[in-house]
Every structure is written in C-alpha cells, then in structure tokens.
Amino acid sequence: MKEKAVIDRFEGDFAVLLFDEGENQLVVPRKSLPRRAKEGTWLKVDMEGTLVKSAVIDEEETARAKQRIAEKLEKLRRGDH
C-alpha cells in the first residue's frame, strides 16, 4: 500500500518516518530510503506491513512543505500573528 510519510529524523543507521500528520511513526533502516533523502523530505512509500518495499522522494510535497515553513518564518520575522 502506498502512503505518504515525512522523514522526521535519523538515528544512526535508522530513519524515523511520520505518517498521518505525525500520529503514527515507524523506524526503518536508512538504507531502505533514497540516497538524497534527508530530514524533512516527503516520501511516497510502498509498505508491506511494517516493511518498506520501496520509497521515492515526493518532490512536490517536499517543496510545498518548505514553502509553508518559509512563509511561517517570514511572518514571525515581521511580527505577524
């Protein structure tokens, strides 16, 4: 089943993926993810139970998330609420 997940953090040779807006998390081997993946990268993950069959970077979702964060930071800098 394909799901969207974001890489929350790396812990040694493992990555912590967040699903369902952070409600669920899964620790997977770092080697099961694309080489360019880093913290904050969104992925399209094909799961089989708790195993990652494949994962590809979701470029569009990653870009949208970066844009949302940049906009929020800009509002904070300006003092907007």
Protein backbone atom coordinates (compact mmCIF):
# COMPACT_ATOMS: atom_id res chain seq x y z
CA MET A 1 0.00 0.00 0.00
CA LYS A 2 1.39 3.45 -0.98
CA GLU A 3 1.47 6.03 1.77
CA LYS A 4 2.96 9.47 2.28
CA ALA A 5 5.49 9.93 5.03
CA VAL A 6 7.99 12.55 6.10
CA ILE A 7 11.44 11.84 7.47
CA ASP A 8 11.41 13.23 10.99
CA ARG A 9 14.99 12.38 11.91
CA PHE A 10 17.85 9.97 11.55
CA GLU A 11 19.16 7.93 14.44
CA GLY A 12 22.36 6.21 13.35
CA ASP A 13 21.54 3.73 10.60
CA PHE A 14 17.81 4.24 11.02
CA ALA A 15 15.23 6.83 9.97
CA VAL A 16 12.07 7.80 11.82
CA LEU A 17 9.17 8.25 9.41
CA LEU A 18 5.99 10.07 10.39
CA PHE A 19 2.67 9.08 8.84
CA ASP A 20 -0.82 10.55 9.21
CA GLU A 21 0.38 14.04 10.20
CA GLY A 22 2.64 12.68 12.94
CA GLU A 23 0.06 10.38 14.54
CA ASN A 24 1.98 7.23 13.55
CA GLN A 25 5.69 6.69 13.26
CA LEU A 26 7.89 3.91 12.01
CA VAL A 27 11.63 3.33 12.38
CA VAL A 28 13.16 1.91 9.20
CA PRO A 29 16.69 1.18 8.01
CA ARG A 30 18.22 4.26 6.43
CA LYS A 31 19.38 2.14 3.50
CA SER A 32 15.74 1.44 2.55
CA LEU A 33 15.31 5.13 1.62
CA PRO A 34 16.52 7.09 -1.43
CA ARG A 35 20.12 8.35 -1.11
CA ARG A 36 19.12 12.02 -1.41
CA ALA A 37 16.53 11.74 1.36
CA LYS A 38 17.14 13.93 4.40
CA GLU A 39 15.19 15.20 7.38
CA GLY A 40 12.04 16.96 6.22
CA THR A 41 11.89 15.07 2.91
CA TRP A 42 8.46 13.75 1.98
CA LEU A 43 8.28 10.27 0.54
CA LYS A 44 5.84 8.06 -1.32
CA VAL A 45 6.32 4.77 0.50
CA ASP A 46 5.13 1.36 -0.63
CA MET A 47 4.61 -0.64 2.55
CA GLU A 48 4.09 -4.31 3.21
CA GLY A 49 3.04 -4.45 6.84
CA THR A 50 5.79 -2.54 8.64
CA LEU A 51 8.37 -3.18 5.91
CA VAL A 52 9.30 -0.59 3.31
CA LYS A 53 9.13 -2.27 -0.11
CA SER A 54 10.10 0.94 -1.92
CA ALA A 55 10.31 4.66 -1.29
CA VAL A 56 10.65 7.58 -3.68
CA ILE A 57 11.01 11.26 -2.90
CA ASP A 58 7.80 13.23 -3.31
CA GLU A 59 9.35 16.36 -4.81
CA GLU A 60 6.07 18.31 -4.93
CA GLU A 61 5.08 17.67 -1.32
CA THR A 62 8.62 18.40 -0.12
CA ALA A 63 8.59 21.73 -2.00
CA ARG A 64 5.16 22.63 -0.58
CA ALA A 65 6.32 21.89 2.96
CA LYS A 66 9.45 24.01 2.51
CA GLN A 67 7.32 26.87 1.16
CA ARG A 68 4.90 26.67 4.13
CA ILE A 69 7.82 26.76 6.57
CA ALA A 70 9.45 29.69 4.77
CA GLU A 71 6.15 31.63 4.88
CA LYS A 72 5.71 30.96 8.59
CA LEU A 73 9.27 32.07 9.34
CA GLU A 74 8.74 35.26 7.34
CA LYS A 75 5.57 36.03 9.34
CA LEU A 76 7.47 35.51 12.59
CA ARG A 77 10.25 37.83 11.41
CA ARG A 78 7.69 40.52 10.56
CA GLY A 79 5.86 40.02 13.83
CA ASP A 80 2.61 38.93 12.19
CA HIS A 81 0.28 36.73 14.19
